[in-house]
Amino acid sequence: MLPSENHFTIPNLDKYVHIILFGSFVFLWSFYYLGKQDRNNSSYRYSVIIFIVACLYGTAMEYIQKYFIPNRDFDIYDIAADIVGALAGFLFVRLTYSWFRN
């Protein structure tokens, strides 16, 4: 637990952290696997798999917190933030990979 500071608060900061972490996770792993593929193969199969894994992981962690970790809360909005972040990372790698490919 972090100490509460009344003079420095950002509403829903934890949701932004979830979005950034899961977006970075999907973007970086997708970029890595796209770089390993043959340049003539434009398949984004690995990116889709990574996106699905990230969504399942975020959902599973919330349920693990709910049922197995004392003093932790389950928050459906954390799952939503994880999925939004994963989707943002997926879309961002789709938009930017072709720029770096050449």
C-alpha atoms as a PDB file:
ATOM      1  CA  MET A   1       0.000   0.000   0.000  1.00  0.00           C
ATOM      2  CA  LEU A   2       1.239   3.446  -0.851  1.00  0.00           C
ATOM      3  CA  PRO A   3       0.806   6.266   1.626  1.00  0.00           C
ATOM      4  CA  SER A   4      -1.984   8.637   0.693  1.00  0.00           C
ATOM      5  CA  GLU A   5      -1.019  12.129  -0.274  1.00  0.00           C
ATOM      6  CA  ASN A   6      -3.845  14.629  -0.335  1.00  0.00           C
ATOM      7  CA  HIS A   7      -2.032  17.281  -2.357  1.00  0.00           C
ATOM      8  CA  PHE A   8      -1.060  14.971  -5.225  1.00  0.00           C
ATOM      9  CA  THR A   9      -3.920  12.871  -6.528  1.00  0.00           C
ATOM     10  CA  ILE A  10      -4.706  11.781 -10.040  1.00  0.00           C
ATOM     11  CA  PRO A  11      -8.174  10.290 -10.411  1.00  0.00           C
ATOM     12  CA  ASN A  12      -8.076   6.666 -11.568  1.00  0.00           C
ATOM     13  CA  LEU A  13      -4.282   6.590 -11.670  1.00  0.00           C
ATOM     14  CA  ASP A  14      -4.281   2.815 -11.251  1.00  0.00           C
ATOM     15  CA  LYS A  15      -6.367   2.435 -14.417  1.00  0.00           C
ATOM     16  CA  TYR A  16      -3.838   4.477 -16.394  1.00  0.00           C
ATOM     17  CA  VAL A  17      -1.072   2.276 -15.017  1.00  0.00           C
ATOM     18  CA  HIS A  18      -2.957  -0.842 -16.169  1.00  0.00           C
ATOM     19  CA  ILE A  19      -3.405   0.645 -19.644  1.00  0.00           C
ATOM     20  CA  ILE A  20       0.267   1.586 -19.943  1.00  0.00           C
ATOM     21  CA  LEU A  21       1.560  -1.742 -18.627  1.00  0.00           C
ATOM     22  CA  PHE A  22      -0.638  -3.926 -20.815  1.00  0.00           C
ATOM     23  CA  GLY A  23      -0.193  -1.686 -23.852  1.00  0.00           C
ATOM     24  CA  SER A  24       3.571  -1.859 -23.441  1.00  0.00           C
ATOM     25  CA  PHE A  25       3.445  -5.619 -22.922  1.00  0.00           C
ATOM     26  CA  VAL A  26       1.524  -6.246 -26.142  1.00  0.00           C
ATOM     27  CA  PHE A  27       3.430  -3.659 -28.170  1.00  0.00           C
ATOM     28  CA  LEU A  28       6.914  -4.819 -27.194  1.00  0.00           C
ATOM     29  CA  TRP A  29       6.300  -8.561 -27.542  1.00  0.00           C
ATOM     30  CA  SER A  30       4.415  -8.089 -30.825  1.00  0.00           C
ATOM     31  CA  PHE A  31       7.158  -5.870 -32.198  1.00  0.00           C
ATOM     32  CA  TYR A  32       9.748  -8.480 -31.215  1.00  0.00           C
ATOM     33  CA  TYR A  33       7.924 -11.366 -32.900  1.00  0.00           C
ATOM     34  CA  LEU A  34       7.068  -9.351 -35.999  1.00  0.00           C
ATOM     35  CA  GLY A  35      10.768  -8.534 -36.341  1.00  0.00           C
ATOM     36  CA  LYS A  36      11.651 -12.228 -36.253  1.00  0.00           C
ATOM     37  CA  GLN A  37       9.265 -13.116 -39.082  1.00  0.00           C
ATOM     38  CA  ASP A  38      10.188 -13.320 -42.729  1.00  0.00           C
ATOM     39  CA  ARG A  39       9.955  -9.859 -44.302  1.00  0.00           C
ATOM     40  CA  ASN A  40       7.596 -11.178 -47.008  1.00  0.00           C
ATOM     41  CA  ASN A  41       5.181 -12.600 -44.416  1.00  0.00           C
ATOM     42  CA  SER A  42       2.815  -9.883 -43.220  1.00  0.00           C
ATOM     43  CA  SER A  43       0.935 -12.174 -40.831  1.00  0.00           C
ATOM     44  CA  TYR A  44       0.033 -10.679 -37.477  1.00  0.00           C
ATOM     45  CA  ARG A  45      -0.794 -14.036 -35.920  1.00  0.00           C
ATOM     46  CA  TYR A  46       1.681 -13.565 -33.076  1.00  0.00           C
ATOM     47  CA  SER A  47       0.269 -10.143 -32.276  1.00  0.00           C
ATOM     48  CA  VAL A  48      -3.228 -11.580 -31.992  1.00  0.00           C
ATOM     49  CA  ILE A  49      -1.993 -14.400 -29.752  1.00  0.00           C
ATOM     50  CA  ILE A  50      -0.135 -11.921 -27.531  1.00  0.00           C
ATOM     51  CA  PHE A  51      -3.232  -9.722 -27.344  1.00  0.00           C
ATOM     52  CA  ILE A  52      -5.380 -12.680 -26.267  1.00  0.00           C
ATOM     53  CA  VAL A  53      -2.790 -13.822 -23.716  1.00  0.00           C
ATOM     54  CA  ALA A  54      -2.631 -10.320 -22.233  1.00  0.00           C
ATOM     55  CA  CYS A  55      -6.427 -10.139 -21.906  1.00  0.00           C
ATOM     56  CA  LEU A  56      -6.603 -13.573 -20.291  1.00  0.00           C
ATOM     57  CA  TYR A  57      -3.712 -12.763 -17.972  1.00  0.00           C
ATOM     58  CA  GLY A  58      -5.293  -9.490 -16.810  1.00  0.00           C
ATOM     59  CA  THR A  59      -8.618 -11.204 -16.180  1.00  0.00           C
ATOM     60  CA  ALA A  60      -7.009 -14.131 -14.362  1.00  0.00           C
ATOM     61  CA  MET A  61      -4.997 -11.819 -12.104  1.00  0.00           C
ATOM     62  CA  GLU A  62      -8.142 -10.020 -10.993  1.00  0.00           C
ATOM     63  CA  TYR A  63      -9.846 -13.304 -10.122  1.00  0.00           C
ATOM     64  CA  ILE A  64      -6.728 -14.540  -8.319  1.00  0.00           C
ATOM     65  CA  GLN A  65      -6.760 -11.334  -6.281  1.00  0.00           C
ATOM     66  CA  LYS A  66     -10.428 -11.861  -5.490  1.00  0.00           C
ATOM     67  CA  TYR A  67     -10.233 -15.464  -4.352  1.00  0.00           C
ATOM     68  CA  PHE A  68      -6.661 -16.161  -3.257  1.00  0.00           C
ATOM     69  CA  ILE A  69      -4.970 -12.984  -2.008  1.00  0.00           C
ATOM     70  CA  PRO A  70      -6.230 -11.469   1.236  1.00  0.00           C
ATOM     71  CA  ASN A  71      -6.766  -7.707   1.406  1.00  0.00           C
ATOM     72  CA  ARG A  72      -6.830  -7.329  -2.387  1.00  0.00           C
ATOM     73  CA  ASP A  73      -9.863  -6.114  -4.279  1.00  0.00           C
ATOM     74  CA  PHE A  74     -11.467  -7.381  -7.443  1.00  0.00           C
ATOM     75  CA  ASP A  75     -12.210  -4.565  -9.868  1.00  0.00           C
ATOM     76  CA  ILE A  76     -13.979  -5.130 -13.160  1.00  0.00           C
ATOM     77  CA  TYR A  77     -12.646  -1.768 -14.336  1.00  0.00           C
ATOM     78  CA  ASP A  78      -9.088  -3.049 -13.927  1.00  0.00           C
ATOM     79  CA  ILE A  79      -9.964  -5.836 -16.356  1.00  0.00           C
ATOM     80  CA  ALA A  80     -11.424  -3.253 -18.742  1.00  0.00           C
ATOM     81  CA  ALA A  81      -8.263  -1.127 -18.430  1.00  0.00           C
ATOM     82  CA  ASP A  82      -6.105  -4.186 -19.136  1.00  0.00           C
ATOM     83  CA  ILE A  83      -8.080  -4.969 -22.277  1.00  0.00           C
ATOM     84  CA  VAL A  84      -8.032  -1.337 -23.440  1.00  0.00           C
ATOM     85  CA  GLY A  85      -4.264  -1.216 -22.917  1.00  0.00           C
ATOM     86  CA  ALA A  86      -3.745  -4.513 -24.753  1.00  0.00           C
ATOM     87  CA  LEU A  87      -5.896  -3.284 -27.633  1.00  0.00           C
ATOM     88  CA  ALA A  88      -4.005   0.011 -27.769  1.00  0.00           C
ATOM     89  CA  GLY A  89      -0.684  -1.847 -27.873  1.00  0.00           C
ATOM     90  CA  PHE A  90      -1.988  -4.143 -30.608  1.00  0.00           C
ATOM     91  CA  LEU A  91      -3.247  -1.255 -32.732  1.00  0.00           C
ATOM     92  CA  PHE A  92      -0.116   0.798 -32.142  1.00  0.00           C
ATOM     93  CA  VAL A  93       2.164  -2.000 -33.310  1.00  0.00           C
ATOM     94  CA  ARG A  94      -0.025  -2.493 -36.385  1.00  0.00           C
ATOM     95  CA  LEU A  95       0.307   1.209 -37.225  1.00  0.00           C
ATOM     96  CA  THR A  96       4.000   1.643 -36.495  1.00  0.00           C
ATOM     97  CA  TYR A  97       5.642  -1.625 -37.535  1.00  0.00           C
ATOM     98  CA  SER A  98       5.600  -0.830 -41.233  1.00  0.00           C
ATOM     99  CA  TRP A  99       7.499   2.394 -40.552  1.00  0.00           C
ATOM    100  CA  PHE A 100      10.352   0.557 -38.833  1.00  0.00           C
ATOM    101  CA  ARG A 101      10.336  -2.440 -41.150  1.00  0.00           C
ATOM    102  CA  ASN A 102      12.339  -0.854 -43.953  1.00  0.00           C
END
